[in-house]
């Protein structure tokens, strides 16, 4: 059963590690690669026209799925390494999860204030603010920001984690190095973000010019569609099922994106300034 445990661990890593998931929040159209266009159009049309009262429930389910996704991402990022190291990182895991919920709470408060403001201005002054677009952009900004912040955090601590330091020791050493080398720290952080953007763009091109034609060819030859069929929205259970199917499409996209992300990570790690010092001079002395 050891092989199955290793396989499961690698599968979880492929779906939740690094900045996986950010490609969907930057380009939501990538999610529809896995969905049947007809079923998606029928489902969303029914929701927005005849079942609009289910929309808050959809938002709640999507938010719940995102929090679950981020908790697993944090788990994979924090508990990477030997079992001995993992036991000492429980406090870090709990702290990051608590911070995630704090950021979520603050974001929801801001959205509520924005909602009240739009209704107030609309009712008293006839000023229409873009509520739906504002909520959508706020959600995308929140989701991408949290993923990238955690990615940058784990990448900076990686050289010290590999030396088996405690979490607080890793953070202290990293902080001291950054304070001593602010320009190099800024440039490497910029490199990480640029690498992420490049890999997402390459993945977007691969989906458009390789994966979609390949899926169409499979359907033409075998008659088998690999697309996920959404259910018509007519009751609460159909909402829950559709959100589950969207989550499945999201995780499949992460699996497909993982090789691109892996290549990007290897390039970034090769340029990691602290790791370069470790390779050139042994363990960094801070």
C-alpha atoms as a PDB file:
ATOM      1  CA  UNK A   1       0.000   0.000   0.000  1.00  0.00           C
ATOM      2  CA  UNK A   2       3.056   2.260   0.140  1.00  0.00           C
ATOM      3  CA  UNK A   3       2.790   2.954  -3.594  1.00  0.00           C
ATOM      4  CA  UNK A   4      -0.837   4.004  -3.195  1.00  0.00           C
ATOM      5  CA  UNK A   5       0.076   6.368  -0.357  1.00  0.00           C
ATOM      6  CA  UNK A   6       2.843   7.902  -2.480  1.00  0.00           C
ATOM      7  CA  UNK A   7       0.494   8.198  -5.461  1.00  0.00           C
ATOM      8  CA  UNK A   8      -2.179   9.893  -3.351  1.00  0.00           C
ATOM      9  CA  UNK A   9       0.384  12.296  -1.908  1.00  0.00           C
ATOM     10  CA  UNK A  10       1.621  13.250  -5.385  1.00  0.00           C
ATOM     11  CA  UNK A  11      -1.967  13.628  -6.614  1.00  0.00           C
ATOM     12  CA  UNK A  12      -2.800  16.015  -3.770  1.00  0.00           C
ATOM     13  CA  UNK A  13       0.414  17.916  -4.427  1.00  0.00           C
ATOM     14  CA  UNK A  14      -0.471  18.272  -8.111  1.00  0.00           C
ATOM     15  CA  UNK A  15      -3.942  19.621  -7.306  1.00  0.00           C
ATOM     16  CA  UNK A  16      -3.131  21.889  -4.349  1.00  0.00           C
ATOM     17  CA  UNK A  17       0.555  22.863  -4.237  1.00  0.00           C
ATOM     18  CA  UNK A  18       2.237  26.085  -5.342  1.00  0.00           C
ATOM     19  CA  UNK A  19       0.032  28.570  -7.157  1.00  0.00           C
ATOM     20  CA  UNK A  20      -2.279  25.913  -8.632  1.00  0.00           C
ATOM     21  CA  UNK A  21      -5.768  27.314  -9.013  1.00  0.00           C
ATOM     22  CA  UNK A  22      -4.633  30.841  -9.783  1.00  0.00           C
ATOM     23  CA  UNK A  23      -5.026  30.149 -13.517  1.00  0.00           C
ATOM     24  CA  UNK A  24      -8.803  29.771 -13.103  1.00  0.00           C
ATOM     25  CA  UNK A  25      -9.201  32.970 -11.091  1.00  0.00           C
ATOM     26  CA  UNK A  26      -7.102  34.930 -13.601  1.00  0.00           C
ATOM     27  CA  UNK A  27      -8.868  33.373 -16.610  1.00  0.00           C
ATOM     28  CA  UNK A  28     -12.247  31.905 -15.550  1.00  0.00           C
ATOM     29  CA  UNK A  29     -12.837  30.804 -19.163  1.00  0.00           C
ATOM     30  CA  UNK A  30     -10.329  27.978 -18.510  1.00  0.00           C
ATOM     31  CA  UNK A  31     -12.888  26.331 -16.247  1.00  0.00           C
ATOM     32  CA  UNK A  32     -15.274  25.909 -19.179  1.00  0.00           C
ATOM     33  CA  UNK A  33     -12.689  23.780 -20.976  1.00  0.00           C
ATOM     34  CA  UNK A  34     -13.930  20.843 -18.882  1.00  0.00           C
ATOM     35  CA  UNK A  35     -17.648  21.709 -19.058  1.00  0.00           C
ATOM     36  CA  UNK A  36     -20.261  20.887 -21.667  1.00  0.00           C
ATOM     37  CA  UNK A  37     -21.057  24.285 -23.187  1.00  0.00           C
ATOM     38  CA  UNK A  38     -24.727  23.432 -23.709  1.00  0.00           C
ATOM     39  CA  UNK A  39     -25.304  22.226 -20.146  1.00  0.00           C
ATOM     40  CA  UNK A  40     -23.324  25.159 -18.678  1.00  0.00           C
ATOM     41  CA  UNK A  41     -25.317  27.691 -20.712  1.00  0.00           C
ATOM     42  CA  UNK A  42     -28.641  26.086 -19.731  1.00  0.00           C
ATOM     43  CA  UNK A  43     -27.640  25.852 -16.059  1.00  0.00           C
ATOM     44  CA  UNK A  44     -26.389  29.448 -15.730  1.00  0.00           C
ATOM     45  CA  UNK A  45     -29.300  30.848 -17.746  1.00  0.00           C
ATOM     46  CA  UNK A  46     -31.824  29.076 -15.503  1.00  0.00           C
ATOM     47  CA  UNK A  47     -30.012  30.280 -12.396  1.00  0.00           C
ATOM     48  CA  UNK A  48     -29.840  33.947 -13.458  1.00  0.00           C
ATOM     49  CA  UNK A  49     -33.331  34.141 -14.954  1.00  0.00           C
ATOM     50  CA  UNK A  50     -35.676  31.765 -13.076  1.00  0.00           C
ATOM     51  CA  UNK A  51     -33.746  30.774  -9.948  1.00  0.00           C
ATOM     52  CA  UNK A  52     -32.027  34.034  -9.040  1.00  0.00           C
ATOM     53  CA  UNK A  53     -32.979  33.478  -5.373  1.00  0.00           C
ATOM     54  CA  UNK A  54     -30.445  30.599  -5.337  1.00  0.00           C
ATOM     55  CA  UNK A  55     -27.567  32.970  -6.189  1.00  0.00           C
ATOM     56  CA  UNK A  56     -26.563  33.728  -2.554  1.00  0.00           C
ATOM     57  CA  UNK A  57     -26.505  29.965  -1.918  1.00  0.00           C
ATOM     58  CA  UNK A  58     -24.252  29.456  -4.939  1.00  0.00           C
ATOM     59  CA  UNK A  59     -21.909  32.161  -3.631  1.00  0.00           C
ATOM     60  CA  UNK A  60     -21.848  30.499  -0.204  1.00  0.00           C
ATOM     61  CA  UNK A  61     -21.065  27.050  -1.678  1.00  0.00           C
ATOM     62  CA  UNK A  62     -18.324  28.460  -3.926  1.00  0.00           C
ATOM     63  CA  UNK A  63     -16.781  30.314  -0.981  1.00  0.00           C
ATOM     64  CA  UNK A  64     -16.938  27.140   1.117  1.00  0.00           C
ATOM     65  CA  UNK A  65     -15.202  25.150  -1.617  1.00  0.00           C
ATOM     66  CA  UNK A  66     -12.523  27.847  -1.965  1.00  0.00           C
ATOM     67  CA  UNK A  67     -11.804  27.846   1.776  1.00  0.00           C
ATOM     68  CA  UNK A  68     -11.548  24.038   1.710  1.00  0.00           C
ATOM     69  CA  UNK A  69      -9.199  24.282  -1.276  1.00  0.00           C
ATOM     70  CA  UNK A  70      -6.999  26.820   0.509  1.00  0.00           C
ATOM     71  CA  UNK A  71      -6.892  24.768   3.729  1.00  0.00           C
ATOM     72  CA  UNK A  72      -5.643  21.762   1.731  1.00  0.00           C
ATOM     73  CA  UNK A  73      -3.156  23.994  -0.105  1.00  0.00           C
ATOM     74  CA  UNK A  74      -1.849  25.290   3.228  1.00  0.00           C
ATOM     75  CA  UNK A  75      -1.692  21.723   4.548  1.00  0.00           C
ATOM     76  CA  UNK A  76       0.364  20.549   1.560  1.00  0.00           C
ATOM     77  CA  UNK A  77       2.669  23.581   1.773  1.00  0.00           C
ATOM     78  CA  UNK A  78       3.265  23.511   5.521  1.00  0.00           C
ATOM     79  CA  UNK A  79       3.564  19.749   6.079  1.00  0.00           C
ATOM     80  CA  UNK A  80       5.950  19.020   3.228  1.00  0.00           C
ATOM     81  CA  UNK A  81       8.948  17.069   4.496  1.00  0.00           C
ATOM     82  CA  UNK A  82       9.630  14.382   7.089  1.00  0.00           C
ATOM     83  CA  UNK A  83       7.166  13.372   9.808  1.00  0.00           C
ATOM     84  CA  UNK A  84       9.554  14.767  12.430  1.00  0.00           C
ATOM     85  CA  UNK A  85       9.355  18.200  10.817  1.00  0.00           C
ATOM     86  CA  UNK A  86       5.591  18.009  10.341  1.00  0.00           C
ATOM     87  CA  UNK A  87       4.866  17.649  14.056  1.00  0.00           C
ATOM     88  CA  UNK A  88       6.578  20.964  14.787  1.00  0.00           C
ATOM     89  CA  UNK A  89       4.540  22.814  12.145  1.00  0.00           C
ATOM     90  CA  UNK A  90       1.052  22.361  13.570  1.00  0.00           C
ATOM     91  CA  UNK A  91       1.095  25.818  15.133  1.00  0.00           C
ATOM     92  CA  UNK A  92       2.097  27.389  11.792  1.00  0.00           C
ATOM     93  CA  UNK A  93      -0.736  25.545  10.030  1.00  0.00           C
ATOM     94  CA  UNK A  94      -3.336  26.750  12.533  1.00  0.00           C
ATOM     95  CA  UNK A  95      -2.024  30.334  12.413  1.00  0.00           C
ATOM     96  CA  UNK A  96      -2.185  30.524   8.609  1.00  0.00           C
ATOM     97  CA  UNK A  97      -5.693  29.012   8.508  1.00  0.00           C
ATOM     98  CA  UNK A  98      -6.858  31.546  11.125  1.00  0.00           C
ATOM     99  CA  UNK A  99      -5.322  34.389   9.081  1.00  0.00           C
ATOM    100  CA  UNK A 100      -7.127  33.083   5.986  1.00  0.00           C
ATOM    101  CA  UNK A 101     -10.461  33.369   7.782  1.00  0.00           C
ATOM    102  CA  UNK A 102      -9.551  36.844   9.073  1.00  0.00           C
ATOM    103  CA  UNK A 103      -8.803  38.033   5.517  1.00  0.00           C
ATOM    104  CA  UNK A 104     -12.043  36.446   4.323  1.00  0.00           C
ATOM    105  CA  UNK A 105     -14.022  38.168   7.073  1.00  0.00           C
ATOM    106  CA  UNK A 106     -12.489  41.563   6.230  1.00  0.00           C
ATOM    107  CA  UNK A 107     -13.241  41.046   2.530  1.00  0.00           C
ATOM    108  CA  UNK A 108     -16.864  40.143   3.245  1.00  0.00           C
ATOM    109  CA  UNK A 109     -17.266  43.240   5.448  1.00  0.00           C
ATOM    110  CA  UNK A 110     -15.903  45.430   2.639  1.00  0.00           C
ATOM    111  CA  UNK A 111     -18.290  43.798   0.152  1.00  0.00           C
ATOM    112  CA  UNK A 112     -21.229  44.333   2.503  1.00  0.00           C
ATOM    113  CA  UNK A 113     -20.333  48.018   2.860  1.00  0.00           C
ATOM    114  CA  UNK A 114     -20.038  48.291  -0.937  1.00  0.00           C
ATOM    115  CA  UNK A 115     -23.450  46.621  -1.326  1.00  0.00           C
ATOM    116  CA  UNK A 116     -25.121  49.010   1.151  1.00  0.00           C
ATOM    117  CA  UNK A 117     -23.412  51.988  -0.525  1.00  0.00           C
ATOM    118  CA  UNK A 118     -24.642  50.971  -3.993  1.00  0.00           C
ATOM    119  CA  UNK A 119     -28.217  50.570  -2.754  1.00  0.00           C
ATOM    120  CA  UNK A 120     -28.094  53.904  -0.884  1.00  0.00           C
ATOM    121  CA  UNK A 121     -26.766  55.828  -3.887  1.00  0.00           C
ATOM    122  CA  UNK A 122     -29.208  54.111  -6.217  1.00  0.00           C
ATOM    123  CA  UNK A 123     -32.260  54.811  -4.037  1.00  0.00           C
ATOM    124  CA  UNK A 124     -31.534  58.405  -3.001  1.00  0.00           C
ATOM    125  CA  UNK A 125     -29.461  59.802  -5.867  1.00  0.00           C
ATOM    126  CA  UNK A 126     -30.124  57.492  -8.814  1.00  0.00           C
ATOM    127  CA  UNK A 127     -26.420  56.663  -9.103  1.00  0.00           C
ATOM    128  CA  UNK A 128     -25.869  53.091 -10.280  1.00  0.00           C
ATOM    129  CA  UNK A 129     -22.579  51.523  -9.220  1.00  0.00           C
ATOM    130  CA  UNK A 130     -21.443  48.278 -10.920  1.00  0.00           C
ATOM    131  CA  UNK A 131     -22.394  45.943  -8.054  1.00  0.00           C
ATOM    132  CA  UNK A 132     -22.097  42.611  -9.891  1.00  0.00           C
ATOM    133  CA  UNK A 133     -18.829  43.546 -11.582  1.00  0.00           C
ATOM    134  CA  UNK A 134     -17.484  44.899  -8.284  1.00  0.00           C
ATOM    135  CA  UNK A 135     -18.274  41.681  -6.427  1.00  0.00           C
ATOM    136  CA  UNK A 136     -16.752  39.568  -9.220  1.00  0.00           C
ATOM    137  CA  UNK A 137     -13.541  41.594  -9.354  1.00  0.00           C
ATOM    138  CA  UNK A 138     -13.289  41.618  -5.546  1.00  0.00           C
ATOM    139  CA  UNK A 139     -13.673  37.820  -5.452  1.00  0.00           C
ATOM    140  CA  UNK A 140     -11.021  37.322  -8.133  1.00  0.00           C
ATOM    141  CA  UNK A 141      -8.666  39.767  -6.402  1.00  0.00           C
ATOM    142  CA  UNK A 142      -9.140  38.039  -3.041  1.00  0.00           C
ATOM    143  CA  UNK A 143      -8.657  34.501  -4.376  1.00  0.00           C
ATOM    144  CA  UNK A 144      -5.582  35.274  -6.478  1.00  0.00           C
ATOM    145  CA  UNK A 145      -3.976  37.439  -3.779  1.00  0.00           C
ATOM    146  CA  UNK A 146      -4.284  34.783  -1.065  1.00  0.00           C
ATOM    147  CA  UNK A 147      -2.879  32.061  -3.349  1.00  0.00           C
ATOM    148  CA  UNK A 148       0.075  34.201  -4.439  1.00  0.00           C
ATOM    149  CA  UNK A 149       0.853  35.451  -0.917  1.00  0.00           C
ATOM    150  CA  UNK A 150       1.053  31.892   0.373  1.00  0.00           C
ATOM    151  CA  UNK A 151       3.117  30.807  -2.655  1.00  0.00           C
ATOM    152  CA  UNK A 152       5.652  33.608  -2.150  1.00  0.00           C
ATOM    153  CA  UNK A 153       5.775  32.837   1.587  1.00  0.00           C
ATOM    154  CA  UNK A 154       6.501  29.115   1.097  1.00  0.00           C
ATOM    155  CA  UNK A 155       9.084  29.732  -1.643  1.00  0.00           C
ATOM    156  CA  UNK A 156      11.032  32.176   0.529  1.00  0.00           C
ATOM    157  CA  UNK A 157      11.097  29.755   3.476  1.00  0.00           C
ATOM    158  CA  UNK A 158      11.975  26.695   1.372  1.00  0.00           C
ATOM    159  CA  UNK A 159      15.811  26.923   1.693  1.00  0.00           C
ATOM    160  CA  UNK A 160      15.610  27.032   5.492  1.00  0.00           C
ATOM    161  CA  UNK A 161      12.899  24.356   5.702  1.00  0.00           C
ATOM    162  CA  UNK A 162      15.234  22.017   3.812  1.00  0.00           C
ATOM    163  CA  UNK A 163      17.818  22.598   6.547  1.00  0.00           C
ATOM    164  CA  UNK A 164      15.240  21.306   9.092  1.00  0.00           C
ATOM    165  CA  UNK A 165      14.936  24.546  11.046  1.00  0.00           C
ATOM    166  CA  UNK A 166      11.822  25.233  13.091  1.00  0.00           C
ATOM    167  CA  UNK A 167       9.174  27.499  11.565  1.00  0.00           C
ATOM    168  CA  UNK A 168      10.055  30.493  13.750  1.00  0.00           C
ATOM    169  CA  UNK A 169      13.744  29.986  13.015  1.00  0.00           C
ATOM    170  CA  UNK A 170      12.998  29.839   9.259  1.00  0.00           C
ATOM    171  CA  UNK A 171      10.958  33.033   9.438  1.00  0.00           C
ATOM    172  CA  UNK A 172      13.600  34.850  11.482  1.00  0.00           C
ATOM    173  CA  UNK A 173      16.460  33.849   9.148  1.00  0.00           C
ATOM    174  CA  UNK A 174      14.446  34.767   6.075  1.00  0.00           C
ATOM    175  CA  UNK A 175      13.434  38.125   7.548  1.00  0.00           C
ATOM    176  CA  UNK A 176      17.062  38.986   8.401  1.00  0.00           C
ATOM    177  CA  UNK A 177      18.220  38.042   4.879  1.00  0.00           C
ATOM    178  CA  UNK A 178      15.488  40.148   3.260  1.00  0.00           C
ATOM    179  CA  UNK A 179      16.331  43.148   5.456  1.00  0.00           C
ATOM    180  CA  UNK A 180      19.990  42.847   4.476  1.00  0.00           C
ATOM    181  CA  UNK A 181      19.215  42.404   0.769  1.00  0.00           C
ATOM    182  CA  UNK A 182      16.015  44.367   0.046  1.00  0.00           C
ATOM    183  CA  UNK A 183      16.687  44.915  -3.670  1.00  0.00           C
ATOM    184  CA  UNK A 184      17.551  41.257  -4.339  1.00  0.00           C
ATOM    185  CA  UNK A 185      14.507  40.208  -2.317  1.00  0.00           C
ATOM    186  CA  UNK A 186      12.254  42.509  -4.348  1.00  0.00           C
ATOM    187  CA  UNK A 187      13.701  41.302  -7.668  1.00  0.00           C
ATOM    188  CA  UNK A 188      13.320  37.641  -6.780  1.00  0.00           C
ATOM    189  CA  UNK A 189       9.713  38.179  -5.640  1.00  0.00           C
ATOM    190  CA  UNK A 190       9.072  39.912  -8.963  1.00  0.00           C
ATOM    191  CA  UNK A 191      10.675  36.979 -10.809  1.00  0.00           C
ATOM    192  CA  UNK A 192       8.349  34.565  -8.984  1.00  0.00           C
ATOM    193  CA  UNK A 193       5.263  36.546  -9.991  1.00  0.00           C
ATOM    194  CA  UNK A 194       6.447  36.996 -13.594  1.00  0.00           C
ATOM    195  CA  UNK A 195       7.179  33.271 -13.836  1.00  0.00           C
ATOM    196  CA  UNK A 196       3.647  32.547 -12.638  1.00  0.00           C
ATOM    197  CA  UNK A 197       2.151  34.882 -15.269  1.00  0.00           C
ATOM    198  CA  UNK A 198       4.256  33.324 -18.047  1.00  0.00           C
ATOM    199  CA  UNK A 199       3.299  29.766 -17.079  1.00  0.00           C
ATOM    200  CA  UNK A 200      -0.399  30.679 -16.929  1.00  0.00           C
ATOM    201  CA  UNK A 201      -0.157  32.288 -20.380  1.00  0.00           C
ATOM    202  CA  UNK A 202       1.581  29.207 -21.813  1.00  0.00           C
ATOM    203  CA  UNK A 203      -1.093  26.981 -20.244  1.00  0.00           C
ATOM    204  CA  UNK A 204      -3.803  29.180 -21.777  1.00  0.00           C
ATOM    205  CA  UNK A 205      -2.219  28.740 -25.212  1.00  0.00           C
ATOM    206  CA  UNK A 206      -1.854  24.984 -24.668  1.00  0.00           C
ATOM    207  CA  UNK A 207      -5.542  24.682 -23.780  1.00  0.00           C
ATOM    208  CA  UNK A 208      -6.585  26.693 -26.844  1.00  0.00           C
ATOM    209  CA  UNK A 209      -4.327  25.038 -29.417  1.00  0.00           C
ATOM    210  CA  UNK A 210      -3.614  21.558 -28.030  1.00  0.00           C
ATOM    211  CA  UNK A 211      -6.065  20.273 -25.420  1.00  0.00           C
ATOM    212  CA  UNK A 212      -9.341  21.534 -26.920  1.00  0.00           C
ATOM    213  CA  UNK A 213      -8.528  20.201 -30.447  1.00  0.00           C
ATOM    214  CA  UNK A 214      -7.423  16.917 -28.835  1.00  0.00           C
ATOM    215  CA  UNK A 215     -10.708  16.559 -26.943  1.00  0.00           C
ATOM    216  CA  UNK A 216     -12.654  17.367 -30.104  1.00  0.00           C
ATOM    217  CA  UNK A 217     -10.692  14.731 -32.009  1.00  0.00           C
ATOM    218  CA  UNK A 218     -11.400  12.107 -29.338  1.00  0.00           C
ATOM    219  CA  UNK A 219     -15.111  12.932 -29.540  1.00  0.00           C
ATOM    220  CA  UNK A 220     -15.098  12.758 -33.372  1.00  0.00           C
ATOM    221  CA  UNK A 221     -13.336   9.366 -33.395  1.00  0.00           C
ATOM    222  CA  UNK A 222     -14.964   7.621 -30.430  1.00  0.00           C
ATOM    223  CA  UNK A 223     -18.153   9.605 -29.845  1.00  0.00           C
ATOM    224  CA  UNK A 224     -17.139   9.884 -26.188  1.00  0.00           C
ATOM    225  CA  UNK A 225     -17.338  13.355 -24.646  1.00  0.00           C
ATOM    226  CA  UNK A 226     -14.927  14.132 -21.823  1.00  0.00           C
ATOM    227  CA  UNK A 227     -16.878  17.238 -20.837  1.00  0.00           C
ATOM    228  CA  UNK A 228     -18.635  17.518 -17.468  1.00  0.00           C
ATOM    229  CA  UNK A 229     -22.422  17.916 -17.717  1.00  0.00           C
ATOM    230  CA  UNK A 230     -24.013  20.402 -15.319  1.00  0.00           C
ATOM    231  CA  UNK A 231     -27.538  19.821 -14.032  1.00  0.00           C
ATOM    232  CA  UNK A 232     -30.486  22.166 -14.672  1.00  0.00           C
ATOM    233  CA  UNK A 233     -30.973  24.393 -11.608  1.00  0.00           C
ATOM    234  CA  UNK A 234     -34.408  23.647 -10.166  1.00  0.00           C
ATOM    235  CA  UNK A 235     -33.782  22.919  -6.467  1.00  0.00           C
ATOM    236  CA  UNK A 236     -31.146  23.270  -3.772  1.00  0.00           C
ATOM    237  CA  UNK A 237     -29.710  19.801  -4.367  1.00  0.00           C
ATOM    238  CA  UNK A 238     -28.997  20.669  -8.025  1.00  0.00           C
ATOM    239  CA  UNK A 239     -27.101  23.769  -6.866  1.00  0.00           C
ATOM    240  CA  UNK A 240     -24.938  21.646  -4.558  1.00  0.00           C
ATOM    241  CA  UNK A 241     -24.301  19.056  -7.308  1.00  0.00           C
ATOM    242  CA  UNK A 242     -23.331  21.746  -9.830  1.00  0.00           C
ATOM    243  CA  UNK A 243     -20.909  23.386  -7.396  1.00  0.00           C
ATOM    244  CA  UNK A 244     -19.382  19.941  -6.766  1.00  0.00           C
ATOM    245  CA  UNK A 245     -19.026  19.398 -10.545  1.00  0.00           C
ATOM    246  CA  UNK A 246     -17.456  22.844 -10.939  1.00  0.00           C
ATOM    247  CA  UNK A 247     -15.009  21.935  -8.166  1.00  0.00           C
ATOM    248  CA  UNK A 248     -14.160  18.717 -10.031  1.00  0.00           C
ATOM    249  CA  UNK A 249     -13.505  20.735 -13.202  1.00  0.00           C
ATOM    250  CA  UNK A 250     -11.363  23.118 -11.154  1.00  0.00           C
ATOM    251  CA  UNK A 251      -9.235  20.281  -9.749  1.00  0.00           C
ATOM    252  CA  UNK A 252      -8.879  18.681 -13.201  1.00  0.00           C
ATOM    253  CA  UNK A 253      -7.616  22.010 -14.492  1.00  0.00           C
ATOM    254  CA  UNK A 254      -5.075  22.056 -11.651  1.00  0.00           C
ATOM    255  CA  UNK A 255      -3.868  18.574 -12.636  1.00  0.00           C
ATOM    256  CA  UNK A 256      -3.423  19.661 -16.226  1.00  0.00           C
ATOM    257  CA  UNK A 257      -1.687  22.863 -15.123  1.00  0.00           C
ATOM    258  CA  UNK A 258       0.728  21.110 -12.739  1.00  0.00           C
ATOM    259  CA  UNK A 259       3.448  20.231 -15.337  1.00  0.00           C
ATOM    260  CA  UNK A 260       3.606  23.876 -16.417  1.00  0.00           C
ATOM    261  CA  UNK A 261       3.763  25.045 -12.808  1.00  0.00           C
ATOM    262  CA  UNK A 262       6.449  22.433 -12.009  1.00  0.00           C
ATOM    263  CA  UNK A 263       8.693  23.713 -14.826  1.00  0.00           C
ATOM    264  CA  UNK A 264       8.184  27.285 -13.630  1.00  0.00           C
ATOM    265  CA  UNK A 265       9.026  26.335 -10.045  1.00  0.00           C
ATOM    266  CA  UNK A 266      12.255  24.605 -11.089  1.00  0.00           C
ATOM    267  CA  UNK A 267      13.354  27.715 -12.965  1.00  0.00           C
ATOM    268  CA  UNK A 268      12.474  29.914  -9.983  1.00  0.00           C
ATOM    269  CA  UNK A 269      14.308  27.664  -7.509  1.00  0.00           C
ATOM    270  CA  UNK A 270      17.400  27.747  -9.731  1.00  0.00           C
ATOM    271  CA  UNK A 271      17.375  31.547  -9.325  1.00  0.00           C
ATOM    272  CA  UNK A 272      16.544  31.565  -5.602  1.00  0.00           C
ATOM    273  CA  UNK A 273      19.179  33.927  -4.098  1.00  0.00           C
ATOM    274  CA  UNK A 274      19.370  32.142  -0.743  1.00  0.00           C
ATOM    275  CA  UNK A 275      19.694  28.732  -2.389  1.00  0.00           C
ATOM    276  CA  UNK A 276      22.397  30.114  -4.682  1.00  0.00           C
ATOM    277  CA  UNK A 277      24.335  31.281  -1.609  1.00  0.00           C
ATOM    278  CA  UNK A 278      23.884  27.865  -0.046  1.00  0.00           C
ATOM    279  CA  UNK A 279      25.206  26.171  -3.184  1.00  0.00           C
ATOM    280  CA  UNK A 280      28.143  28.568  -3.512  1.00  0.00           C
ATOM    281  CA  UNK A 281      29.169  28.924   0.140  1.00  0.00           C
ATOM    282  CA  UNK A 282      27.411  26.160   2.032  1.00  0.00           C
ATOM    283  CA  UNK A 283      24.628  26.968   4.511  1.00  0.00           C
ATOM    284  CA  UNK A 284      23.819  30.665   4.627  1.00  0.00           C
ATOM    285  CA  UNK A 285      25.249  32.291   7.697  1.00  0.00           C
ATOM    286  CA  UNK A 286      22.749  34.773   9.170  1.00  0.00           C
END
